[in-house]
């Protein structure tokens, strides 16, 4: 409810919900739900890359963190299909 109230206040202060925007968020489900409730579903939403990397690091044992971070960050600089292939390859390796 806090997120929705905050976003509603932004609209009340003049933020036009019909104006197309790109929202970059930390992956919070509450924030995503609030954005959709107040601004609708027609706006693109992107997960912050730094938050994504940090989230992955939180699940890894310490001995893998540096290696995985070193693989993830450059993958984000590649063309989308190449980067996704590298990230999927890394995920597959981690699953083993």
C-alpha atoms as a PDB file:
ATOM      1  CA  UNK A   1       0.000   0.000   0.000  1.00  0.00           C
ATOM      2  CA  UNK A   2       2.903   2.349   0.728  1.00  0.00           C
ATOM      3  CA  UNK A   3       4.258   2.031  -2.813  1.00  0.00           C
ATOM      4  CA  UNK A   4       0.875   2.628  -4.414  1.00  0.00           C
ATOM      5  CA  UNK A   5       0.275   5.673  -2.191  1.00  0.00           C
ATOM      6  CA  UNK A   6       3.681   7.107  -3.113  1.00  0.00           C
ATOM      7  CA  UNK A   7       3.084   6.619  -6.837  1.00  0.00           C
ATOM      8  CA  UNK A   8      -0.443   8.031  -6.576  1.00  0.00           C
ATOM      9  CA  UNK A   9       1.033  11.126  -4.935  1.00  0.00           C
ATOM     10  CA  UNK A  10       3.433  11.503  -7.884  1.00  0.00           C
ATOM     11  CA  UNK A  11       0.443  11.510 -10.232  1.00  0.00           C
ATOM     12  CA  UNK A  12      -1.366  14.032  -8.033  1.00  0.00           C
ATOM     13  CA  UNK A  13       1.688  16.303  -8.254  1.00  0.00           C
ATOM     14  CA  UNK A  14       1.494  16.317 -12.028  1.00  0.00           C
ATOM     15  CA  UNK A  15       3.069  13.079 -13.213  1.00  0.00           C
ATOM     16  CA  UNK A  16       0.927  12.162 -16.213  1.00  0.00           C
ATOM     17  CA  UNK A  17       0.249   8.388 -16.118  1.00  0.00           C
ATOM     18  CA  UNK A  18      -0.566   8.438 -19.833  1.00  0.00           C
ATOM     19  CA  UNK A  19       2.904   9.706 -20.776  1.00  0.00           C
ATOM     20  CA  UNK A  20       5.053   6.749 -21.809  1.00  0.00           C
ATOM     21  CA  UNK A  21       7.943   6.132 -19.428  1.00  0.00           C
ATOM     22  CA  UNK A  22      10.624   3.525 -18.820  1.00  0.00           C
ATOM     23  CA  UNK A  23      10.661   2.426 -15.199  1.00  0.00           C
ATOM     24  CA  UNK A  24      13.907   0.940 -13.897  1.00  0.00           C
ATOM     25  CA  UNK A  25      13.316  -0.896 -10.627  1.00  0.00           C
ATOM     26  CA  UNK A  26      15.198  -3.115  -8.210  1.00  0.00           C
ATOM     27  CA  UNK A  27      13.016  -6.158  -8.818  1.00  0.00           C
ATOM     28  CA  UNK A  28      10.589  -5.521  -5.967  1.00  0.00           C
ATOM     29  CA  UNK A  29       7.255  -7.232  -6.624  1.00  0.00           C
ATOM     30  CA  UNK A  30       5.477  -4.562  -4.575  1.00  0.00           C
ATOM     31  CA  UNK A  31       7.003  -1.797  -6.686  1.00  0.00           C
ATOM     32  CA  UNK A  32       6.071  -3.572  -9.915  1.00  0.00           C
ATOM     33  CA  UNK A  33       2.492  -4.087  -8.717  1.00  0.00           C
ATOM     34  CA  UNK A  34       2.246  -0.445  -7.640  1.00  0.00           C
ATOM     35  CA  UNK A  35       3.522   0.774 -10.999  1.00  0.00           C
ATOM     36  CA  UNK A  36       0.964  -1.332 -12.826  1.00  0.00           C
ATOM     37  CA  UNK A  37      -1.866  -0.222 -10.514  1.00  0.00           C
ATOM     38  CA  UNK A  38      -1.114   3.493 -10.835  1.00  0.00           C
ATOM     39  CA  UNK A  39       0.485   3.860 -14.276  1.00  0.00           C
ATOM     40  CA  UNK A  40      -0.961   0.823 -16.079  1.00  0.00           C
ATOM     41  CA  UNK A  41       0.743  -2.005 -17.898  1.00  0.00           C
ATOM     42  CA  UNK A  42       1.707  -0.166 -21.091  1.00  0.00           C
ATOM     43  CA  UNK A  43       4.989   1.195 -19.702  1.00  0.00           C
ATOM     44  CA  UNK A  44       8.202  -0.796 -20.133  1.00  0.00           C
ATOM     45  CA  UNK A  45       9.838  -1.920 -16.888  1.00  0.00           C
ATOM     46  CA  UNK A  46      13.485  -2.930 -16.661  1.00  0.00           C
ATOM     47  CA  UNK A  47      15.288  -4.612 -13.813  1.00  0.00           C
ATOM     48  CA  UNK A  48      18.305  -2.609 -12.622  1.00  0.00           C
ATOM     49  CA  UNK A  49      21.383  -4.568 -13.636  1.00  0.00           C
ATOM     50  CA  UNK A  50      23.300  -3.700 -10.479  1.00  0.00           C
ATOM     51  CA  UNK A  51      20.443  -4.954  -8.312  1.00  0.00           C
ATOM     52  CA  UNK A  52      20.217  -8.140 -10.380  1.00  0.00           C
ATOM     53  CA  UNK A  53      23.926  -8.853  -9.974  1.00  0.00           C
ATOM     54  CA  UNK A  54      23.707  -8.156  -6.233  1.00  0.00           C
ATOM     55  CA  UNK A  55      20.678 -10.428  -5.910  1.00  0.00           C
ATOM     56  CA  UNK A  56      22.555 -13.279  -7.590  1.00  0.00           C
ATOM     57  CA  UNK A  57      25.602 -12.654  -5.368  1.00  0.00           C
ATOM     58  CA  UNK A  58      23.403 -12.974  -2.269  1.00  0.00           C
ATOM     59  CA  UNK A  59      22.617 -16.585  -3.197  1.00  0.00           C
ATOM     60  CA  UNK A  60      26.156 -17.705  -3.993  1.00  0.00           C
ATOM     61  CA  UNK A  61      28.847 -19.069  -1.710  1.00  0.00           C
ATOM     62  CA  UNK A  62      31.714 -16.610  -1.206  1.00  0.00           C
ATOM     63  CA  UNK A  63      34.155 -18.635  -3.302  1.00  0.00           C
ATOM     64  CA  UNK A  64      31.998 -18.205  -6.455  1.00  0.00           C
ATOM     65  CA  UNK A  65      30.998 -14.540  -6.130  1.00  0.00           C
ATOM     66  CA  UNK A  66      33.984 -12.922  -7.868  1.00  0.00           C
ATOM     67  CA  UNK A  67      33.926 -15.387 -10.761  1.00  0.00           C
ATOM     68  CA  UNK A  68      30.188 -15.032 -11.393  1.00  0.00           C
ATOM     69  CA  UNK A  69      30.247 -11.229 -11.105  1.00  0.00           C
ATOM     70  CA  UNK A  70      33.152 -11.166 -13.572  1.00  0.00           C
ATOM     71  CA  UNK A  71      31.010 -13.161 -16.020  1.00  0.00           C
ATOM     72  CA  UNK A  72      27.737 -11.281 -15.527  1.00  0.00           C
ATOM     73  CA  UNK A  73      28.882  -7.684 -15.870  1.00  0.00           C
ATOM     74  CA  UNK A  74      30.501  -8.070 -19.334  1.00  0.00           C
ATOM     75  CA  UNK A  75      27.490 -10.078 -20.549  1.00  0.00           C
ATOM     76  CA  UNK A  76      25.331  -6.963 -20.053  1.00  0.00           C
ATOM     77  CA  UNK A  77      27.546  -5.045 -22.497  1.00  0.00           C
ATOM     78  CA  UNK A  78      27.014  -7.546 -25.331  1.00  0.00           C
ATOM     79  CA  UNK A  79      24.163  -7.488 -27.846  1.00  0.00           C
ATOM     80  CA  UNK A  80      21.030  -8.836 -26.145  1.00  0.00           C
ATOM     81  CA  UNK A  81      21.012 -12.313 -27.706  1.00  0.00           C
ATOM     82  CA  UNK A  82      24.733 -12.848 -27.069  1.00  0.00           C
ATOM     83  CA  UNK A  83      24.497 -11.541 -23.523  1.00  0.00           C
ATOM     84  CA  UNK A  84      21.527 -13.759 -22.731  1.00  0.00           C
ATOM     85  CA  UNK A  85      23.376 -16.773 -24.132  1.00  0.00           C
ATOM     86  CA  UNK A  86      26.347 -16.051 -21.865  1.00  0.00           C
ATOM     87  CA  UNK A  87      24.117 -15.572 -18.823  1.00  0.00           C
ATOM     88  CA  UNK A  88      22.262 -18.810 -19.550  1.00  0.00           C
ATOM     89  CA  UNK A  89      25.594 -20.604 -19.950  1.00  0.00           C
ATOM     90  CA  UNK A  90      26.702 -19.232 -16.570  1.00  0.00           C
ATOM     91  CA  UNK A  91      23.415 -20.280 -14.946  1.00  0.00           C
ATOM     92  CA  UNK A  92      23.738 -23.771 -16.403  1.00  0.00           C
ATOM     93  CA  UNK A  93      27.249 -24.049 -15.028  1.00  0.00           C
ATOM     94  CA  UNK A  94      26.072 -22.902 -11.583  1.00  0.00           C
ATOM     95  CA  UNK A  95      23.244 -25.441 -11.561  1.00  0.00           C
ATOM     96  CA  UNK A  96      25.805 -28.233 -11.989  1.00  0.00           C
END
